[in-house]
Amino acid sequence: MIYKKIPLREDDPDIYLTTYVSDLKGPARDAMLVIPGGGYYNVCADREGEPIALAYMNAGLNAFVLNYSVREKAIFPRSLCDASIALSYIRAHAEEFNINPDRIFAVGFSAGGHLAGSLGVMWDRPEICKITGIEPGSNRPNGVVLGYPVVSGKRFATHLGSFQRLLGKDEPSDEELELYSLENHVKPKSAAPMFAFHTATDSVVPVASPLLLALAYAKAGLPFELHVFPKGPHGLALASKTTSLGNPDQERDNVAQWVNLSVNWIKSL
């Protein structure tokens, strides 16, 4: 396995990719950009980074884990710029990593799900290319996988802390919360296909969040797949012993199906 750290910003050593790339020869692989959660406050790579990358590697994809801007650096569009640089870098180095440049996906969890979802629906915001200097369109994922994602700023559906950090405000208005609500940015001709999973009993990010995004995709006539499992806490990651850290409540066999479900969905695209 090719395992190395790749700096993405000369001005910030905290922004980097970690590669989980097969060194076996063979046909070009699909690629997955892994974006851990953490409420835009930290990056939970221990549970939602490497274990996820290895799971997708085992399924035949090459994977890359992103460490992105958080806390006071997370004000929009900084983190989206980080993710855009990352995906553009992977696509530009497709031959080096033996991946298909037309089959690069992103998976994100919680606030990382918001960031992956932002790549899916806001990759074409004009300020992104202006700030980063990347080639227009090089940051568009071919699909996004969202795990218990932060989606909406609507009060009944949101994780307020994530939006506070995106906006740089402790008490954002309803209008400000709507600015980066993903369901408001789903465009029929540009949004990437979406797969999402959530649990109905998530007490941190309400299940209404992905439901609103799925509704926006449906209205736009775009392909999506959504799985809502009846029970389970927030932050399940793989929902297996691998990521449970000894907490049996984090082990949910039915939710653990999401990895295979998402791989089958990716293959269907």
Protein backbone atom coordinates (compact mmCIF):
# COMPACT_ATOMS: atom_id res chain seq x y z
CA MET A 1 0.00 0.00 0.00
CA ILE A 2 1.15 3.51 -0.81
CA TYR A 3 0.71 5.40 2.46
CA LYS A 4 1.94 8.97 2.56
CA LYS A 5 0.99 12.47 3.62
CA ILE A 6 0.52 15.08 0.88
CA PRO A 7 0.47 18.78 1.90
CA LEU A 8 -2.21 20.73 0.03
CA ARG A 9 -1.59 24.34 1.14
CA GLU A 10 1.77 26.07 1.35
CA ASP A 11 0.30 28.51 3.88
CA ASP A 12 -1.15 25.87 6.22
CA PRO A 13 0.57 22.58 7.16
CA ASP A 14 -2.65 21.34 8.79
CA ILE A 15 -4.32 20.86 5.41
CA TYR A 16 -3.24 17.59 3.83
CA LEU A 17 -4.22 14.28 2.30
CA THR A 18 -3.23 10.85 3.59
CA THR A 19 -3.16 8.21 0.86
CA TYR A 20 -4.43 4.66 1.09
CA VAL A 21 -3.54 3.49 -2.39
CA SER A 22 -3.02 -0.05 -3.60
CA ASP A 23 0.43 -0.78 -5.00
CA LEU A 24 -0.87 -3.79 -6.93
CA LYS A 25 -0.84 -3.52 -10.71
CA GLY A 26 -4.12 -3.80 -12.54
CA PRO A 27 -6.95 -1.79 -14.10
CA ALA A 28 -7.46 1.77 -12.91
CA ARG A 29 -9.49 1.92 -9.70
CA ASP A 30 -12.27 4.17 -8.54
CA ALA A 31 -11.16 6.67 -5.89
CA MET A 32 -12.72 7.91 -2.67
CA LEU A 33 -11.98 11.18 -0.90
CA VAL A 34 -12.76 10.57 2.78
CA ILE A 35 -13.88 13.58 4.83
CA PRO A 36 -14.22 12.89 8.58
CA GLY A 37 -16.66 14.81 10.76
CA GLY A 38 -16.13 16.85 13.89
CA GLY A 39 -18.60 19.73 13.77
CA TYR A 40 -16.12 21.90 11.84
CA TYR A 41 -14.36 22.02 15.25
CA ASN A 42 -11.92 19.14 14.76
CA VAL A 43 -11.29 16.29 12.30
CA CYS A 44 -12.30 12.87 13.70
CA ALA A 45 -9.86 10.91 11.55
CA ASP A 46 -9.38 8.12 14.11
CA ARG A 47 -12.91 6.77 13.57
CA GLU A 48 -14.11 8.43 10.35
CA GLY A 49 -10.81 8.63 8.50
CA GLU A 50 -8.47 5.67 8.26
CA PRO A 51 -11.06 2.94 9.08
CA ILE A 52 -13.31 4.26 6.32
CA ALA A 53 -10.41 4.47 3.85
CA LEU A 54 -9.40 0.89 4.58
CA ALA A 55 -12.99 -0.31 4.19
CA TYR A 56 -13.17 1.22 0.74
CA MET A 57 -9.71 -0.11 -0.12
CA ASN A 58 -10.95 -3.59 0.74
CA ALA A 59 -13.83 -2.97 -1.66
CA GLY A 60 -11.41 -2.17 -4.48
CA LEU A 61 -11.16 1.63 -4.35
CA ASN A 62 -8.14 3.78 -3.64
CA ALA A 63 -8.78 6.21 -0.81
CA PHE A 64 -7.53 9.58 0.41
CA VAL A 65 -8.32 11.07 3.83
CA LEU A 66 -8.60 14.85 4.04
CA ASN A 67 -7.51 16.97 6.98
CA TYR A 68 -9.29 20.28 6.40
CA SER A 69 -9.80 23.70 8.00
CA VAL A 70 -11.71 23.78 11.29
CA ARG A 71 -12.49 26.15 14.20
CA GLU A 72 -11.77 29.77 13.35
CA LYS A 73 -10.44 28.71 9.92
CA ALA A 74 -13.70 27.00 8.95
CA ILE A 75 -15.58 30.14 7.86
CA PHE A 76 -17.08 29.49 4.42
CA PRO A 77 -15.66 28.91 1.83
CA ARG A 78 -12.31 27.94 3.38
CA SER A 79 -13.08 24.25 4.06
CA LEU A 80 -14.80 23.86 0.69
CA CYS A 81 -11.68 25.29 -0.91
CA ASP A 82 -9.60 22.66 0.93
CA ALA A 83 -11.85 19.85 -0.31
CA SER A 84 -11.81 21.30 -3.83
CA ILE A 85 -8.02 21.43 -3.87
CA ALA A 86 -7.94 17.84 -2.62
CA LEU A 87 -10.29 16.43 -5.23
CA SER A 88 -8.62 18.42 -8.00
CA TYR A 89 -5.22 17.08 -6.85
CA ILE A 90 -6.43 13.49 -6.90
CA ARG A 91 -7.84 13.93 -10.41
CA ALA A 92 -4.63 15.59 -11.65
CA HIS A 93 -2.57 12.68 -10.28
CA ALA A 94 -4.89 9.93 -11.48
CA GLU A 95 -2.20 8.17 -13.48
CA GLU A 96 0.24 8.22 -10.56
CA PHE A 97 -2.34 6.67 -8.24
CA ASN A 98 -3.77 4.28 -10.87
CA ILE A 99 -7.28 5.68 -10.62
CA ASN A 100 -9.95 6.55 -13.15
CA PRO A 101 -10.18 10.38 -13.26
CA ASP A 102 -13.85 10.10 -14.25
CA ARG A 103 -14.75 8.04 -11.17
CA ILE A 104 -13.69 10.01 -8.12
CA PHE A 105 -16.15 10.10 -5.22
CA ALA A 106 -16.32 11.76 -1.82
CA VAL A 107 -17.63 10.35 1.45
CA GLY A 108 -18.23 12.50 4.51
CA PHE A 109 -19.66 12.14 7.98
CA SER A 110 -21.66 14.62 10.07
CA ALA A 111 -20.02 18.03 9.39
CA GLY A 112 -17.73 16.18 6.98
CA GLY A 113 -20.96 15.11 5.30
CA HIS A 114 -21.83 18.77 4.91
CA LEU A 115 -18.43 19.34 3.33
CA ALA A 116 -18.73 16.35 1.00
CA GLY A 117 -22.26 17.44 0.16
CA SER A 118 -20.99 20.97 -0.50
CA LEU A 119 -18.56 19.50 -3.03
CA GLY A 120 -21.50 17.74 -4.62
CA VAL A 121 -23.76 20.77 -4.99
CA MET A 122 -21.53 23.85 -4.64
CA TRP A 123 -18.38 22.80 -6.48
CA ASP A 124 -19.15 25.37 -9.18
CA ARG A 125 -19.33 28.47 -6.98
CA PRO A 126 -17.17 31.04 -8.82
CA GLU A 127 -15.18 32.05 -5.75
CA ILE A 128 -13.76 28.54 -5.35
CA CYS A 129 -11.65 28.61 -8.52
CA LYS A 130 -10.77 32.25 -7.93
CA ILE A 131 -9.41 31.52 -4.46
CA THR A 132 -7.74 28.18 -5.18
CA GLY A 133 -6.59 28.58 -8.77
CA ILE A 134 -7.84 25.10 -9.68
CA GLU A 135 -9.24 24.29 -13.11
CA PRO A 136 -13.02 24.79 -13.23
CA GLY A 137 -14.81 21.49 -12.82
CA SER A 138 -11.75 19.59 -11.64
CA ASN A 139 -13.24 19.56 -8.12
CA ARG A 140 -16.61 18.03 -9.07
CA PRO A 141 -17.02 14.57 -7.54
CA ASN A 142 -18.69 11.88 -9.62
CA GLY A 143 -20.88 11.10 -6.63
CA VAL A 144 -21.06 11.75 -2.89
CA VAL A 145 -21.73 9.39 0.02
CA LEU A 146 -23.08 11.18 3.10
CA GLY A 147 -23.14 9.55 6.52
CA TYR A 148 -25.51 11.14 9.07
CA PRO A 149 -24.74 14.46 7.38
CA VAL A 150 -25.25 18.00 8.55
CA VAL A 151 -27.30 19.41 5.68
CA SER A 152 -29.68 22.18 6.61
CA GLY A 153 -29.62 25.35 8.65
CA LYS A 154 -33.33 25.09 9.35
CA ARG A 155 -33.72 25.16 13.13
CA PHE A 156 -35.63 21.86 13.31
CA ALA A 157 -33.05 20.05 11.18
CA THR A 158 -29.68 21.55 11.94
CA HIS A 159 -26.56 20.98 13.99
CA LEU A 160 -26.16 24.58 15.07
CA GLY A 161 -22.49 24.35 16.07
CA SER A 162 -21.42 23.39 12.54
CA PHE A 163 -23.23 26.39 11.06
CA GLN A 164 -21.89 28.71 13.75
CA ARG A 165 -18.37 27.82 12.67
CA LEU A 166 -19.20 28.04 8.97
CA LEU A 167 -20.61 31.54 9.53
CA GLY A 168 -18.18 32.66 12.23
CA LYS A 169 -21.11 33.75 14.40
CA ASP A 170 -22.48 32.53 17.73
CA GLU A 171 -26.01 33.73 16.99
CA PRO A 172 -26.63 33.55 13.23
CA SER A 173 -29.97 34.66 11.86
CA ASP A 174 -32.34 32.30 10.08
CA GLU A 175 -31.39 33.97 6.81
CA GLU A 176 -27.69 33.37 7.46
CA LEU A 177 -28.32 29.74 8.37
CA GLU A 178 -30.00 29.23 5.00
CA LEU A 179 -26.94 30.49 3.10
CA TYR A 180 -25.07 27.19 3.22
CA SER A 181 -28.00 24.81 3.61
CA LEU A 182 -27.26 22.17 0.99
CA GLU A 183 -30.88 21.67 -0.05
CA ASN A 184 -30.88 25.27 -1.32
CA HIS A 185 -28.04 24.61 -3.77
CA VAL A 186 -29.19 21.49 -5.62
CA LYS A 187 -29.14 22.36 -9.33
CA PRO A 188 -30.48 19.92 -11.95
CA LYS A 189 -27.57 20.19 -14.37
CA SER A 190 -24.63 20.22 -11.99
CA ALA A 191 -25.25 18.46 -8.65
CA ALA A 192 -23.43 15.16 -8.22
CA PRO A 193 -25.40 11.95 -7.58
CA MET A 194 -25.95 11.39 -3.85
CA PHE A 195 -26.10 8.41 -1.48
CA ALA A 196 -26.94 9.04 2.18
CA PHE A 197 -27.58 7.06 5.32
CA HIS A 198 -28.85 8.14 8.74
CA THR A 199 -30.65 6.75 11.76
CA ALA A 200 -34.11 7.86 12.85
CA THR A 201 -32.96 8.23 16.47
CA ASP A 202 -29.89 10.40 15.83
CA SER A 203 -30.06 13.02 18.59
CA VAL A 204 -27.21 15.21 17.31
CA VAL A 205 -28.12 15.72 13.66
CA PRO A 206 -31.88 15.30 13.10
CA VAL A 207 -32.90 12.82 10.43
CA ALA A 208 -34.83 15.69 8.83
CA SER A 209 -31.47 16.90 7.51
CA PRO A 210 -30.88 14.23 4.83
CA LEU A 211 -34.62 14.04 4.17
CA LEU A 212 -34.58 17.69 3.10
CA LEU A 213 -31.64 17.03 0.80
CA ALA A 214 -33.30 13.97 -0.70
CA LEU A 215 -36.44 16.01 -1.33
CA ALA A 216 -34.37 18.65 -3.14
CA TYR A 217 -32.79 15.94 -5.31
CA ALA A 218 -36.21 14.50 -6.07
CA LYS A 219 -37.57 17.90 -7.07
CA ALA A 220 -34.55 18.42 -9.34
CA GLY A 221 -34.97 15.00 -10.94
CA LEU A 222 -31.49 13.91 -9.84
CA PRO A 223 -30.36 10.41 -8.88
CA PHE A 224 -30.02 9.63 -5.19
CA GLU A 225 -30.26 6.76 -2.73
CA LEU A 226 -31.26 7.25 0.92
CA HIS A 227 -31.25 4.75 3.78
CA VAL A 228 -32.81 5.60 7.15
CA PHE A 229 -32.14 2.91 9.75
CA PRO A 230 -34.61 2.80 12.64
CA LYS A 231 -32.18 3.00 15.56
CA GLY A 232 -28.66 4.11 16.35
CA PRO A 233 -26.76 7.05 17.83
CA HIS A 234 -24.87 9.75 15.98
CA GLY A 235 -21.33 9.09 14.82
CA LEU A 236 -21.57 5.39 14.03
CA ALA A 237 -18.77 5.44 11.42
CA LEU A 238 -18.53 1.79 10.28
CA ALA A 239 -21.10 0.83 12.96
CA SER A 240 -18.85 -2.12 13.81
CA LYS A 241 -16.37 -3.14 16.48
CA THR A 242 -13.61 -1.55 14.37
CA THR A 243 -14.89 1.96 15.13
CA SER A 244 -16.96 1.42 18.30
CA LEU A 245 -14.06 2.09 20.71
CA GLY A 246 -15.57 -0.46 23.05
CA ASN A 247 -19.02 1.15 23.11
CA PRO A 248 -21.58 -1.54 22.26
CA ASP A 249 -24.15 1.09 21.33
CA GLN A 250 -21.89 1.99 18.40
CA GLU A 251 -22.10 -1.55 17.00
CA ARG A 252 -25.15 -1.86 14.77
CA ASP A 253 -25.11 -4.75 12.32
CA ASN A 254 -27.97 -3.40 10.25
CA VAL A 255 -26.38 0.05 9.89
CA ALA A 256 -23.01 -1.52 9.04
CA GLN A 257 -24.57 -2.53 5.72
CA TRP A 258 -24.07 1.03 4.51
CA VAL A 259 -20.54 0.35 3.25
CA ASN A 260 -21.58 -2.45 0.90
CA LEU A 261 -24.71 -0.55 -0.06
CA SER A 262 -22.65 2.49 -1.02
CA VAL A 263 -20.14 0.39 -2.96
CA ASN A 264 -22.96 -1.23 -4.94
CA TRP A 265 -24.41 2.23 -5.57
CA ILE A 266 -21.03 3.49 -6.81
CA LYS A 267 -20.71 0.51 -9.16
CA SER A 268 -24.18 1.27 -10.55
CA LEU A 269 -23.25 4.79 -11.64
